[in-house]
N, C-alpha and C. Protein backbone atom coordinates (compact mmCIF):
# COMPACT_ATOMS: atom_id res chain seq x y z
N MET A 1 -22.81 22.95 -2.83
CA MET A 1 -21.45 23.63 -2.32
C MET A 1 -20.44 23.34 -3.31
N MET A 2 -19.66 24.68 -3.73
CA MET A 2 -18.93 24.82 -4.60
C MET A 2 -17.40 24.53 -4.17
N THR A 3 -16.68 23.51 -5.00
CA THR A 3 -15.36 23.02 -5.00
C THR A 3 -14.46 23.76 -5.05
N THR A 4 -13.30 24.63 -4.63
CA THR A 4 -12.60 25.40 -4.84
C THR A 4 -11.01 24.44 -5.59
N LEU A 5 -10.76 24.86 -6.59
CA LEU A 5 -9.86 23.86 -7.45
C LEU A 5 -8.43 24.66 -7.23
N PRO A 6 -7.64 24.10 -6.88
CA PRO A 6 -6.27 24.39 -6.95
C PRO A 6 -5.48 25.03 -8.38
N ASP A 7 -5.52 26.43 -8.37
CA ASP A 7 -4.77 27.47 -9.57
C ASP A 7 -4.09 28.28 -9.10
N ASP A 8 -3.27 27.83 -8.25
CA ASP A 8 -2.31 29.16 -7.46
C ASP A 8 -1.20 28.82 -8.56
N PRO A 9 -0.71 29.78 -9.44
CA PRO A 9 0.56 29.72 -9.92
C PRO A 9 1.85 29.46 -9.50
N ALA A 10 2.12 29.52 -8.50
CA ALA A 10 3.16 28.87 -8.10
C ALA A 10 3.00 27.20 -7.79
N LEU A 11 1.94 26.92 -7.48
CA LEU A 11 1.56 25.32 -7.31
C LEU A 11 1.80 24.83 -8.70
N ILE A 12 1.26 25.46 -10.01
CA ILE A 12 1.28 25.20 -11.08
C ILE A 12 3.07 25.27 -11.95
N ASP A 13 3.70 26.42 -11.38
CA ASP A 13 5.38 26.19 -11.70
C ASP A 13 5.95 24.69 -11.01
N ARG A 14 5.48 24.65 -9.88
CA ARG A 14 6.38 23.59 -9.03
C ARG A 14 5.98 22.05 -9.61
N ALA A 15 4.69 22.29 -10.38
CA ALA A 15 4.10 20.94 -10.77
C ALA A 15 5.09 20.71 -12.22
N GLN A 16 5.65 21.38 -12.61
CA GLN A 16 6.78 20.96 -13.92
C GLN A 16 7.94 20.26 -13.51
N ARG A 17 8.07 20.19 -11.79
CA ARG A 17 9.29 19.46 -11.79
C ARG A 17 9.04 18.74 -10.23
N ASP A 18 7.68 18.92 -9.50
CA ASP A 18 7.77 18.34 -8.42
C ASP A 18 6.40 17.10 -8.31
N PRO A 19 6.65 16.14 -8.44
CA PRO A 19 5.43 14.94 -8.35
C PRO A 19 4.71 15.08 -7.53
N GLU A 20 4.85 15.55 -6.20
CA GLU A 20 3.81 16.01 -5.02
C GLU A 20 3.37 17.29 -5.64
N ALA A 21 3.56 18.29 -6.05
CA ALA A 21 2.41 19.33 -6.80
C ALA A 21 1.83 18.92 -7.95
N PHE A 22 2.29 17.98 -8.71
CA PHE A 22 1.59 17.73 -9.79
C PHE A 22 0.61 17.03 -9.17
N ALA A 23 0.52 15.81 -8.41
CA ALA A 23 -0.57 15.37 -7.52
C ALA A 23 -1.44 16.19 -6.96
N GLU A 24 -1.16 17.17 -6.27
CA GLU A 24 -2.04 17.96 -5.64
C GLU A 24 -2.98 18.40 -6.74
N LEU A 25 -2.48 18.91 -7.97
CA LEU A 25 -3.25 19.40 -8.87
C LEU A 25 -3.89 18.33 -9.49
N TYR A 26 -3.75 16.78 -9.50
CA TYR A 26 -4.43 15.95 -10.04
C TYR A 26 -5.71 15.72 -9.26
N ARG A 27 -5.05 15.62 -7.58
CA ARG A 27 -6.39 15.27 -7.04
C ARG A 27 -7.38 16.43 -7.06
N GLY A 28 -6.88 17.56 -7.62
CA GLY A 28 -8.17 19.09 -7.41
C GLY A 28 -8.55 18.71 -8.50
N TYR A 29 -8.23 18.38 -9.47
CA TYR A 29 -9.03 17.85 -10.78
C TYR A 29 -9.64 16.83 -11.57
N LEU A 30 -8.98 16.01 -10.90
CA LEU A 30 -9.87 14.64 -11.23
C LEU A 30 -11.22 14.28 -10.98
N THR A 31 -11.72 14.69 -10.28
CA THR A 31 -13.20 14.40 -10.11
C THR A 31 -13.61 15.37 -11.12
N PRO A 32 -13.50 16.74 -11.00
CA PRO A 32 -14.12 17.73 -12.02
C PRO A 32 -14.42 17.24 -13.70
N VAL A 33 -12.93 16.77 -13.89
CA VAL A 33 -12.53 16.36 -15.06
C VAL A 33 -13.34 15.37 -15.76
N TYR A 34 -13.53 14.39 -14.84
CA TYR A 34 -14.23 12.82 -14.81
C TYR A 34 -15.68 13.34 -15.20
N ARG A 35 -16.02 14.13 -14.24
CA ARG A 35 -17.76 14.24 -13.90
C ARG A 35 -17.89 15.10 -15.39
N TYR A 36 -16.98 16.26 -15.88
CA TYR A 36 -17.38 16.43 -17.07
C TYR A 36 -17.48 15.57 -18.50
N LEU A 37 -16.46 14.71 -18.58
CA LEU A 37 -16.16 14.08 -19.53
C LEU A 37 -17.34 12.93 -19.33
N TYR A 38 -17.92 12.34 -18.51
CA TYR A 38 -18.81 11.52 -18.39
C TYR A 38 -20.22 12.37 -18.80
N ARG A 39 -20.46 13.44 -18.38
CA ARG A 39 -21.43 13.90 -18.64
C ARG A 39 -21.66 14.38 -20.22
N ARG A 40 -20.50 14.73 -20.91
CA ARG A 40 -20.33 14.51 -22.29
C ARG A 40 -20.47 13.23 -23.07
N LEU A 41 -19.90 12.06 -22.56
CA LEU A 41 -19.83 10.82 -23.28
C LEU A 41 -21.09 9.86 -22.86
N GLY A 42 -21.11 10.11 -21.48
CA GLY A 42 -22.45 9.13 -21.15
C GLY A 42 -22.06 7.87 -20.76
N ASN A 43 -20.58 7.71 -20.91
CA ASN A 43 -20.20 6.34 -21.10
C ASN A 43 -18.72 6.73 -20.05
N ALA A 44 -19.02 5.43 -18.63
CA ALA A 44 -18.12 5.70 -17.52
C ALA A 44 -16.57 5.48 -17.65
N HIS A 45 -16.57 3.98 -18.60
CA HIS A 45 -15.46 3.61 -19.10
C HIS A 45 -14.64 4.42 -20.21
N GLU A 46 -15.09 5.09 -21.09
CA GLU A 46 -14.48 6.25 -21.79
C GLU A 46 -14.07 7.18 -21.19
N ALA A 47 -15.09 7.41 -20.52
CA ALA A 47 -14.70 8.96 -19.45
C ALA A 47 -13.52 8.54 -18.80
N GLU A 48 -13.12 7.35 -18.21
CA GLU A 48 -11.94 7.09 -17.29
C GLU A 48 -10.70 7.05 -18.33
N ASP A 49 -11.25 6.80 -19.66
CA ASP A 49 -9.90 6.35 -20.07
C ASP A 49 -9.21 8.00 -20.82
N ILE A 50 -10.32 8.76 -20.96
CA ILE A 50 -10.03 10.19 -21.54
C ILE A 50 -9.14 11.03 -20.39
N THR A 51 -10.22 10.79 -18.97
CA THR A 51 -9.77 11.60 -17.66
C THR A 51 -8.21 11.13 -17.96
N SER A 52 -7.55 9.67 -17.92
CA SER A 52 -6.42 9.68 -17.69
C SER A 52 -5.53 10.17 -19.10
N GLN A 53 -5.82 9.96 -20.11
CA GLN A 53 -5.06 10.71 -21.43
C GLN A 53 -4.95 12.19 -21.02
N VAL A 54 -5.99 13.08 -20.68
CA VAL A 54 -5.83 14.40 -20.31
C VAL A 54 -4.63 14.80 -19.23
N PHE A 55 -4.66 13.95 -17.97
CA PHE A 55 -3.48 14.17 -17.45
C PHE A 55 -2.23 13.72 -17.52
N MET A 56 -2.35 12.79 -18.67
CA MET A 56 -0.74 12.35 -19.50
C MET A 56 -0.55 13.64 -20.10
N ASP A 57 -1.54 14.03 -20.94
CA ASP A 57 -1.05 15.39 -22.01
C ASP A 57 -0.55 16.64 -20.90
N ALA A 58 -1.50 16.70 -19.91
CA ALA A 58 -1.21 17.79 -19.34
C ALA A 58 0.73 17.64 -18.58
N LEU A 59 1.15 16.16 -18.15
CA LEU A 59 2.25 16.02 -17.19
C LEU A 59 3.34 16.21 -18.47
N GLU A 60 2.75 15.77 -19.49
CA GLU A 60 3.84 15.97 -20.58
C GLU A 60 3.94 17.10 -21.25
N ALA A 61 3.18 17.62 -21.39
CA ALA A 61 2.77 19.44 -21.61
C ALA A 61 3.36 20.29 -20.95
N GLY A 62 3.29 19.94 -19.44
CA GLY A 62 3.06 20.77 -18.55
C GLY A 62 1.71 21.98 -18.56
N TRP A 63 2.04 22.90 -17.35
CA TRP A 63 0.69 23.55 -17.01
C TRP A 63 1.36 25.11 -17.70
N ARG A 64 2.73 25.38 -17.88
CA ARG A 64 2.95 26.47 -17.54
C ARG A 64 2.18 27.51 -18.62
N GLY A 65 2.27 28.77 -17.96
CA GLY A 65 1.69 29.64 -19.13
C GLY A 65 0.16 29.52 -19.46
N TRP A 66 -0.70 28.86 -18.57
CA TRP A 66 -2.11 28.75 -18.84
C TRP A 66 -2.73 28.42 -17.51
N PRO A 67 -3.50 29.01 -17.30
CA PRO A 67 -4.77 28.72 -16.03
C PRO A 67 -5.22 27.38 -16.59
N ILE A 68 -5.54 26.57 -15.30
CA ILE A 68 -5.42 25.33 -15.34
C ILE A 68 -6.68 24.78 -15.91
N CYS A 69 -7.82 25.96 -15.60
CA CYS A 69 -8.92 25.46 -16.40
C CYS A 69 -8.90 25.84 -17.91
N ALA A 70 -8.40 26.81 -18.57
CA ALA A 70 -8.01 26.86 -19.84
C ALA A 70 -6.97 25.90 -20.46
N ARG A 71 -6.34 25.57 -19.96
CA ARG A 71 -5.36 24.37 -20.16
C ARG A 71 -6.48 22.94 -19.91
N LEU A 72 -7.27 22.69 -19.45
CA LEU A 72 -7.95 21.60 -19.46
C LEU A 72 -8.73 21.47 -20.62
N GLN A 73 -9.47 22.76 -20.51
CA GLN A 73 -10.28 22.98 -21.65
C GLN A 73 -9.74 22.86 -23.50
N ALA A 74 -8.27 23.44 -23.54
CA ALA A 74 -7.79 22.78 -24.59
C ALA A 74 -7.38 21.88 -24.77
N LEU A 75 -6.84 20.91 -23.65
CA LEU A 75 -6.55 19.55 -23.82
C LEU A 75 -7.83 18.70 -24.29
N LEU A 76 -9.02 19.02 -24.10
CA LEU A 76 -10.26 18.46 -24.06
C LEU A 76 -10.85 18.85 -25.32
N GLY A 77 -9.89 20.30 -26.24
CA GLY A 77 -10.83 20.42 -27.24
C GLY A 77 -12.02 21.19 -27.28
N HIS A 78 -12.34 21.91 -25.83
CA HIS A 78 -13.53 22.76 -25.42
C HIS A 78 -13.55 23.84 -26.72
N PRO A 79 -14.52 24.14 -27.25
CA PRO A 79 -16.18 23.56 -26.49
C PRO A 79 -16.43 22.30 -27.15
N GLY A 80 -15.78 21.68 -28.34
CA GLY A 80 -16.07 20.51 -28.83
C GLY A 80 -16.22 19.50 -27.85
N GLY A 81 -16.01 19.44 -26.83
CA GLY A 81 -16.05 18.31 -25.74
C GLY A 81 -14.73 17.43 -26.03
N SER A 82 -14.72 16.21 -26.19
CA SER A 82 -13.77 14.98 -26.35
C SER A 82 -13.30 14.87 -28.02
N GLN A 83 -13.26 15.95 -29.07
CA GLN A 83 -12.96 15.88 -30.00
C GLN A 83 -11.54 15.51 -30.43
N ARG A 84 -10.80 15.74 -29.59
CA ARG A 84 -9.12 15.78 -29.86
C ARG A 84 -8.88 14.47 -29.49
N TYR A 85 -9.80 13.85 -28.51
CA TYR A 85 -9.38 12.23 -28.05
C TYR A 85 -10.37 11.17 -29.05
N SER A 86 -11.39 11.42 -29.89
CA SER A 86 -12.09 11.04 -30.58
C SER A 86 -11.25 9.90 -31.83
N ASP A 87 -11.59 8.58 -32.10
CA ASP A 87 -11.12 7.66 -32.95
C ASP A 87 -11.18 8.38 -34.44
């Protein structure tokens, strides 16, 4: 079963100023981002930490002008995985 992720431009725009809209994006993307990181890293604790950092970066930088998937990939340093967050 495929999950539909929120990628509504109006929701993304509202997330810039509305905590509830950002929360909706967060709820929609939390599990897919965590699962991606866990598969890449093989470590639950590290995946949780980086997942938190990804969403903090998204909150600080905003989603404006990016499709959500592209934004998260950029924040993750895709295709290199978690390089942006490595020590």
